[in-house]
Amino acid sequence: QLQLVESGGGLVQPGGSLRLSCAASGFSLDYYAVGWFRQAPGKEREGVSCISRSGSSTNYADSVKGRFTISRDNAKNTVYLQMNSLKPEDTAVYYCAARRYSGSAYYGCRTAAEYDYWGQGTQVTVSS
């Protein structure tokens, strides 16, 4: 069964940190860009960050630049999102997704519709 599984969410105080993990099973992430998306109640899903197959290229939404870091460990078939200096407005369900591409056709995060596999999501709540 091909799936992505997120973990690492939880409740954290403003200014705190969390590290989300996105583990793939049933397929190799080596051929896929991976993106993190989030959706807060009553809001549309938004892209947070993405990373190329090799990890050499990364992209971030302006709202998280300088606070979040995406990375990957292809040997572990896992992508991470380190979130520091968390704010209440970061509260959302966070999803990871994988998008297959060939050659050098990374072209950044792309739209959510272009992703092939999605995880079930993990809740992140930032509150005092």
N, C-alpha and C. Protein backbone atom coordinates (compact mmCIF):
# COMPACT_ATOMS: atom_id res chain seq x y z
N GLN A 1 0.85 -1.19 0.00
CA GLN A 1 0.00 0.00 0.00
C GLN A 1 0.89 1.24 0.00
N LEU A 2 0.60 2.16 -0.93
CA LEU A 2 1.38 3.37 -1.05
C LEU A 2 0.80 4.43 -0.13
N GLN A 3 1.59 4.93 0.79
CA GLN A 3 1.06 5.95 1.67
C GLN A 3 2.14 6.82 2.27
N LEU A 4 1.69 8.00 2.69
CA LEU A 4 2.51 8.93 3.46
C LEU A 4 1.90 9.06 4.84
N VAL A 5 2.74 9.08 5.84
CA VAL A 5 2.25 9.19 7.21
C VAL A 5 2.99 10.32 7.91
N GLU A 6 2.22 11.32 8.35
CA GLU A 6 2.80 12.43 9.10
C GLU A 6 2.79 12.12 10.60
N SER A 7 3.73 12.69 11.30
CA SER A 7 3.77 12.59 12.75
C SER A 7 4.50 13.80 13.30
N GLY A 8 4.37 13.99 14.62
CA GLY A 8 5.11 15.06 15.27
C GLY A 8 4.29 16.27 15.64
N GLY A 9 3.02 16.28 15.27
CA GLY A 9 2.19 17.41 15.64
C GLY A 9 1.86 17.39 17.13
N GLY A 10 1.23 18.46 17.58
CA GLY A 10 0.85 18.54 18.98
C GLY A 10 0.53 19.95 19.40
N LEU A 11 0.46 20.14 20.70
CA LEU A 11 0.18 21.44 21.29
C LEU A 11 1.49 22.06 21.78
N VAL A 12 1.74 23.29 21.40
CA VAL A 12 2.97 23.97 21.80
C VAL A 12 2.65 25.43 22.10
N GLN A 13 3.41 26.01 22.99
CA GLN A 13 3.21 27.41 23.33
C GLN A 13 3.83 28.31 22.26
N PRO A 14 3.33 29.52 22.13
CA PRO A 14 3.95 30.47 21.19
C PRO A 14 5.45 30.61 21.48
N GLY A 15 6.22 30.62 20.39
CA GLY A 15 7.67 30.67 20.52
C GLY A 15 8.33 29.31 20.59
N GLY A 16 7.53 28.27 20.73
CA GLY A 16 8.06 26.93 20.81
C GLY A 16 8.38 26.31 19.47
N SER A 17 8.79 25.05 19.50
CA SER A 17 9.22 24.34 18.30
C SER A 17 8.57 22.97 18.22
N LEU A 18 8.42 22.51 16.99
CA LEU A 18 7.98 21.14 16.71
C LEU A 18 8.72 20.68 15.47
N ARG A 19 8.91 19.38 15.36
CA ARG A 19 9.44 18.81 14.13
C ARG A 19 8.45 17.78 13.60
N LEU A 20 7.95 18.04 12.41
CA LEU A 20 7.05 17.11 11.75
C LEU A 20 7.85 16.16 10.88
N SER A 21 7.36 14.94 10.80
CA SER A 21 7.96 13.93 9.93
C SER A 21 6.93 13.43 8.94
N CYS A 22 7.40 13.10 7.77
CA CYS A 22 6.55 12.54 6.71
C CYS A 22 7.26 11.30 6.20
N ALA A 23 6.75 10.14 6.55
CA ALA A 23 7.38 8.88 6.17
C ALA A 23 6.58 8.21 5.06
N ALA A 24 7.28 7.75 4.05
CA ALA A 24 6.63 7.07 2.94
C ALA A 24 6.76 5.57 3.11
N SER A 25 5.72 4.87 2.73
CA SER A 25 5.77 3.42 2.70
C SER A 25 5.17 2.92 1.41
N GLY A 26 5.73 1.84 0.89
CA GLY A 26 5.22 1.27 -0.34
C GLY A 26 5.82 1.87 -1.59
N PHE A 27 6.60 2.94 -1.46
CA PHE A 27 7.27 3.54 -2.60
C PHE A 27 8.47 4.34 -2.09
N SER A 28 9.38 4.64 -3.01
CA SER A 28 10.57 5.40 -2.65
C SER A 28 10.36 6.88 -2.94
N LEU A 29 10.70 7.69 -1.94
CA LEU A 29 10.60 9.14 -2.13
C LEU A 29 11.72 9.70 -3.00
N ASP A 30 12.67 8.85 -3.37
CA ASP A 30 13.81 9.32 -4.18
C ASP A 30 13.37 10.03 -5.46
N TYR A 31 12.21 9.64 -6.00
CA TYR A 31 11.77 10.17 -7.28
C TYR A 31 10.78 11.32 -7.14
N TYR A 32 10.57 11.77 -5.91
CA TYR A 32 9.50 12.71 -5.64
C TYR A 32 9.97 13.98 -4.94
N ALA A 33 9.43 15.11 -5.40
CA ALA A 33 9.47 16.30 -4.57
C ALA A 33 8.43 16.11 -3.47
N VAL A 34 8.68 16.71 -2.34
CA VAL A 34 7.73 16.62 -1.23
C VAL A 34 7.38 18.02 -0.77
N GLY A 35 6.10 18.21 -0.56
CA GLY A 35 5.63 19.50 -0.07
C GLY A 35 4.87 19.35 1.24
N TRP A 36 4.94 20.41 2.02
CA TRP A 36 4.11 20.51 3.23
C TRP A 36 3.04 21.57 2.98
N PHE A 37 1.82 21.23 3.31
CA PHE A 37 0.69 22.13 3.19
C PHE A 37 0.01 22.21 4.56
N ARG A 38 -0.80 23.23 4.75
CA ARG A 38 -1.56 23.31 5.99
C ARG A 38 -2.93 23.90 5.72
N GLN A 39 -3.86 23.56 6.58
CA GLN A 39 -5.21 24.10 6.46
C GLN A 39 -5.75 24.39 7.85
N ALA A 40 -6.06 25.64 8.07
CA ALA A 40 -6.67 26.07 9.33
C ALA A 40 -8.18 26.07 9.18
N PRO A 41 -8.92 25.98 10.29
CA PRO A 41 -10.38 25.97 10.22
C PRO A 41 -10.90 27.20 9.49
N GLY A 42 -11.77 26.98 8.54
CA GLY A 42 -12.38 28.08 7.82
C GLY A 42 -11.50 28.73 6.77
N LYS A 43 -10.32 28.18 6.57
CA LYS A 43 -9.39 28.77 5.60
C LYS A 43 -9.05 27.75 4.52
N GLU A 44 -8.55 28.26 3.40
CA GLU A 44 -8.13 27.39 2.33
C GLU A 44 -6.78 26.75 2.66
N ARG A 45 -6.55 25.61 2.06
CA ARG A 45 -5.24 24.96 2.19
C ARG A 45 -4.17 25.83 1.55
N GLU A 46 -3.04 25.93 2.21
CA GLU A 46 -1.95 26.73 1.67
C GLU A 46 -0.65 25.94 1.69
N GLY A 47 0.20 26.23 0.72
CA GLY A 47 1.51 25.61 0.69
C GLY A 47 2.43 26.26 1.70
N VAL A 48 3.21 25.44 2.38
CA VAL A 48 4.12 25.92 3.40
C VAL A 48 5.57 25.85 2.93
N SER A 49 5.94 24.68 2.40
CA SER A 49 7.33 24.49 2.00
C SER A 49 7.41 23.27 1.10
N CYS A 50 8.49 23.19 0.32
CA CYS A 50 8.69 22.01 -0.51
C CYS A 50 10.18 21.80 -0.73
N ILE A 51 10.51 20.59 -1.16
CA ILE A 51 11.91 20.23 -1.32
C ILE A 51 12.05 19.32 -2.53
N SER A 52 13.13 19.51 -3.27
CA SER A 52 13.36 18.72 -4.46
C SER A 52 13.81 17.31 -4.11
N ARG A 53 13.93 16.46 -5.10
CA ARG A 53 14.27 15.06 -4.88
C ARG A 53 15.59 14.90 -4.14
N SER A 54 16.58 15.67 -4.52
CA SER A 54 17.89 15.55 -3.90
C SER A 54 18.02 16.34 -2.61
N GLY A 55 17.09 17.26 -2.41
CA GLY A 55 17.17 18.14 -1.25
C GLY A 55 17.96 19.41 -1.51
N SER A 56 18.46 19.56 -2.72
CA SER A 56 19.31 20.72 -3.02
C SER A 56 18.51 22.00 -3.21
N SER A 57 17.21 21.86 -3.50
CA SER A 57 16.35 23.03 -3.68
C SER A 57 15.20 22.99 -2.69
N THR A 58 14.96 24.12 -2.05
CA THR A 58 13.85 24.23 -1.11
C THR A 58 13.12 25.55 -1.34
N ASN A 59 11.86 25.58 -0.98
CA ASN A 59 11.05 26.78 -1.12
C ASN A 59 10.17 26.92 0.13
N TYR A 60 9.87 28.18 0.45
CA TYR A 60 9.07 28.46 1.65
C TYR A 60 8.05 29.55 1.36
N ALA A 61 6.90 29.44 2.01
CA ALA A 61 5.95 30.54 1.99
C ALA A 61 6.54 31.70 2.78
N ASP A 62 6.20 32.91 2.39
CA ASP A 62 6.73 34.08 3.08
C ASP A 62 6.42 34.06 4.57
N SER A 63 5.28 33.51 4.92
CA SER A 63 4.84 33.52 6.31
C SER A 63 5.69 32.65 7.23
N VAL A 64 6.49 31.74 6.65
CA VAL A 64 7.28 30.83 7.48
C VAL A 64 8.79 30.96 7.24
N LYS A 65 9.17 31.79 6.28
CA LYS A 65 10.60 31.95 5.99
C LYS A 65 11.37 32.40 7.22
N GLY A 66 12.49 31.76 7.44
CA GLY A 66 13.32 32.09 8.58
C GLY A 66 12.92 31.37 9.86
N ARG A 67 11.76 30.74 9.85
CA ARG A 67 11.29 30.01 11.05
C ARG A 67 11.19 28.51 10.81
N PHE A 68 10.84 28.11 9.60
CA PHE A 68 10.67 26.70 9.27
C PHE A 68 11.81 26.25 8.37
N THR A 69 12.20 24.98 8.53
CA THR A 69 13.23 24.38 7.69
C THR A 69 12.78 23.00 7.24
N ILE A 70 12.79 22.79 5.94
CA ILE A 70 12.45 21.49 5.38
C ILE A 70 13.74 20.74 5.06
N SER A 71 13.71 19.43 5.28
CA SER A 71 14.87 18.61 4.96
C SER A 71 14.38 17.20 4.66
N ARG A 72 15.29 16.40 4.13
CA ARG A 72 14.89 15.02 3.82
C ARG A 72 16.05 14.08 4.05
N ASP A 73 15.71 12.84 4.37
CA ASP A 73 16.67 11.77 4.52
C ASP A 73 16.17 10.64 3.63
N ASN A 74 16.70 10.57 2.43
CA ASN A 74 16.21 9.57 1.48
C ASN A 74 16.51 8.15 1.95
N ALA A 75 17.56 7.97 2.72
CA ALA A 75 17.87 6.63 3.24
C ALA A 75 16.76 6.15 4.17
N LYS A 76 16.13 7.10 4.85
CA LYS A 76 15.02 6.77 5.76
C LYS A 76 13.66 6.97 5.09
N ASN A 77 13.69 7.40 3.83
CA ASN A 77 12.43 7.61 3.09
C ASN A 77 11.51 8.57 3.84
N THR A 78 12.10 9.63 4.38
CA THR A 78 11.38 10.55 5.26
C THR A 78 11.77 12.00 4.97
N VAL A 79 10.77 12.86 5.08
CA VAL A 79 10.98 14.30 4.96
C VAL A 79 10.56 14.94 6.27
N TYR A 80 11.27 16.00 6.65
CA TYR A 80 11.01 16.66 7.93
C TYR A 80 10.65 18.12 7.72
N LEU A 81 9.91 18.66 8.67
CA LEU A 81 9.66 20.09 8.71
C LEU A 81 9.94 20.56 10.13
N GLN A 82 11.05 21.24 10.30
CA GLN A 82 11.40 21.81 11.60
C GLN A 82 10.74 23.17 11.71
N MET A 83 9.93 23.34 12.73
CA MET A 83 9.17 24.58 12.90
C MET A 83 9.61 25.24 14.21
N ASN A 84 10.20 26.39 14.10
CA ASN A 84 10.66 27.16 15.26
C ASN A 84 9.88 28.46 15.37
N SER A 85 9.97 29.08 16.53
CA SER A 85 9.31 30.37 16.76
C SER A 85 7.85 30.32 16.33
N LEU A 86 7.18 29.30 16.76
CA LEU A 86 5.80 29.10 16.32
C LEU A 86 4.88 30.20 16.84
N LYS A 87 3.89 30.52 16.03
CA LYS A 87 2.93 31.57 16.34
C LYS A 87 1.52 30.97 16.34
N PRO A 88 0.59 31.60 17.02
CA PRO A 88 -0.78 31.08 17.01
C PRO A 88 -1.34 30.93 15.59
N GLU A 89 -0.93 31.78 14.68
CA GLU A 89 -1.44 31.69 13.31
C GLU A 89 -0.86 30.50 12.55
N ASP A 90 0.08 29.77 13.14
CA ASP A 90 0.57 28.55 12.53
C ASP A 90 -0.34 27.36 12.84
N THR A 91 -1.31 27.56 13.69
CA THR A 91 -2.24 26.49 14.05
C THR A 91 -2.99 26.01 12.82
N ALA A 92 -2.92 24.71 12.57
CA ALA A 92 -3.56 24.12 11.38
C ALA A 92 -3.31 22.62 11.39
N VAL A 93 -4.00 21.95 10.49
CA VAL A 93 -3.64 20.57 10.17
C VAL A 93 -2.58 20.63 9.07
N TYR A 94 -1.48 19.95 9.31
CA TYR A 94 -0.37 19.95 8.36
C TYR A 94 -0.35 18.63 7.59
N TYR A 95 -0.23 18.76 6.28
CA TYR A 95 -0.22 17.61 5.39
C TYR A 95 1.09 17.58 4.61
N CYS A 96 1.60 16.39 4.38
CA CYS A 96 2.69 16.27 3.42
C CYS A 96 2.16 15.59 2.17
N ALA A 97 2.81 15.88 1.06
CA ALA A 97 2.39 15.34 -0.22
C ALA A 97 3.63 15.12 -1.10
N ALA A 98 3.54 14.16 -1.99
CA ALA A 98 4.66 13.81 -2.87
C ALA A 98 4.27 13.99 -4.32
N ARG A 99 5.19 14.57 -5.07
CA ARG A 99 4.97 14.85 -6.49
C ARG A 99 6.14 14.29 -7.29
N ARG A 100 5.85 13.37 -8.17
CA ARG A 100 6.92 12.77 -8.96
C ARG A 100 7.29 13.68 -10.12
N TYR A 101 8.60 13.79 -10.38
CA TYR A 101 9.05 14.52 -11.56
C TYR A 101 10.33 13.88 -12.05
N SER A 102 10.67 14.17 -13.28
CA SER A 102 11.87 13.57 -13.87
C SER A 102 12.89 14.64 -14.21
N GLY A 103 14.13 14.23 -14.26
CA GLY A 103 15.21 15.13 -14.62
C GLY A 103 15.32 16.31 -13.68
N SER A 104 15.46 17.50 -14.25
CA SER A 104 15.62 18.71 -13.45
C SER A 104 14.33 19.51 -13.35
N ALA A 105 13.20 18.88 -13.67
CA ALA A 105 11.93 19.60 -13.73
C ALA A 105 11.30 19.80 -12.37
N TYR A 106 12.03 20.34 -11.42
CA TYR A 106 11.47 20.58 -10.08
C TYR A 106 10.49 21.75 -10.09
N TYR A 107 10.94 22.89 -10.55
CA TYR A 107 10.11 24.09 -10.73
C TYR A 107 9.36 24.53 -9.48
N GLY A 108 9.97 24.32 -8.31
CA GLY A 108 9.35 24.84 -7.11
C GLY A 108 8.20 23.98 -6.61
N CYS A 109 7.39 24.56 -5.74
CA CYS A 109 6.38 23.78 -5.02
C CYS A 109 5.21 23.34 -5.91
N ARG A 110 4.87 24.08 -6.90
CA ARG A 110 3.74 23.78 -7.79
C ARG A 110 2.42 23.79 -6.99
N THR A 111 1.32 23.48 -7.66
CA THR A 111 0.02 23.52 -7.00
C THR A 111 -0.29 22.19 -6.34
N ALA A 112 -1.20 22.23 -5.38
CA ALA A 112 -1.59 21.02 -4.66
C ALA A 112 -2.13 19.96 -5.60
N ALA A 113 -2.80 20.38 -6.65
CA ALA A 113 -3.40 19.43 -7.59
C ALA A 113 -2.36 18.59 -8.33
N GLU A 114 -1.12 19.04 -8.32
CA GLU A 114 -0.08 18.33 -9.04
C GLU A 114 0.61 17.25 -8.20
N TYR A 115 0.19 17.09 -6.97
CA TYR A 115 0.79 16.10 -6.09
C TYR A 115 0.05 14.76 -6.21
N ASP A 116 0.84 13.70 -6.16
CA ASP A 116 0.31 12.35 -6.41
C ASP A 116 -0.19 11.65 -5.15
N TYR A 117 0.50 11.86 -4.05
CA TYR A 117 0.14 11.16 -2.81
C TYR A 117 0.07 12.17 -1.67
N TRP A 118 -0.86 11.92 -0.77
CA TRP A 118 -1.09 12.79 0.38
C TRP A 118 -1.15 11.97 1.66
N GLY A 119 -0.67 12.57 2.74
CA GLY A 119 -0.83 11.97 4.05
C GLY A 119 -2.17 12.33 4.66
N GLN A 120 -2.42 11.82 5.84
CA GLN A 120 -3.72 12.02 6.49
C GLN A 120 -3.75 13.32 7.31
N GLY A 121 -2.58 13.90 7.55
CA GLY A 121 -2.50 15.16 8.28
C GLY A 121 -2.17 14.96 9.75
N THR A 122 -1.54 15.98 10.31
CA THR A 122 -1.25 16.00 11.75
C THR A 122 -1.57 17.38 12.29
N GLN A 123 -2.22 17.44 13.42
CA GLN A 123 -2.67 18.71 13.99
C GLN A 123 -1.53 19.41 14.71
N VAL A 124 -1.37 20.68 14.42
CA VAL A 124 -0.45 21.55 15.14
C VAL A 124 -1.26 22.67 15.76
N THR A 125 -1.17 22.80 17.07
CA THR A 125 -1.87 23.85 17.78
C THR A 125 -0.88 24.68 18.57
N VAL A 126 -0.88 25.98 18.31
CA VAL A 126 0.03 26.89 19.01
C VAL A 126 -0.83 27.79 19.89
N SER A 127 -0.71 27.59 21.18
CA SER A 127 -1.56 28.32 22.11
C SER A 127 -0.94 28.33 23.49
N SER A 128 -1.19 29.41 24.22
CA SER A 128 -0.72 29.48 25.59
C SER A 128 -1.80 29.02 26.55
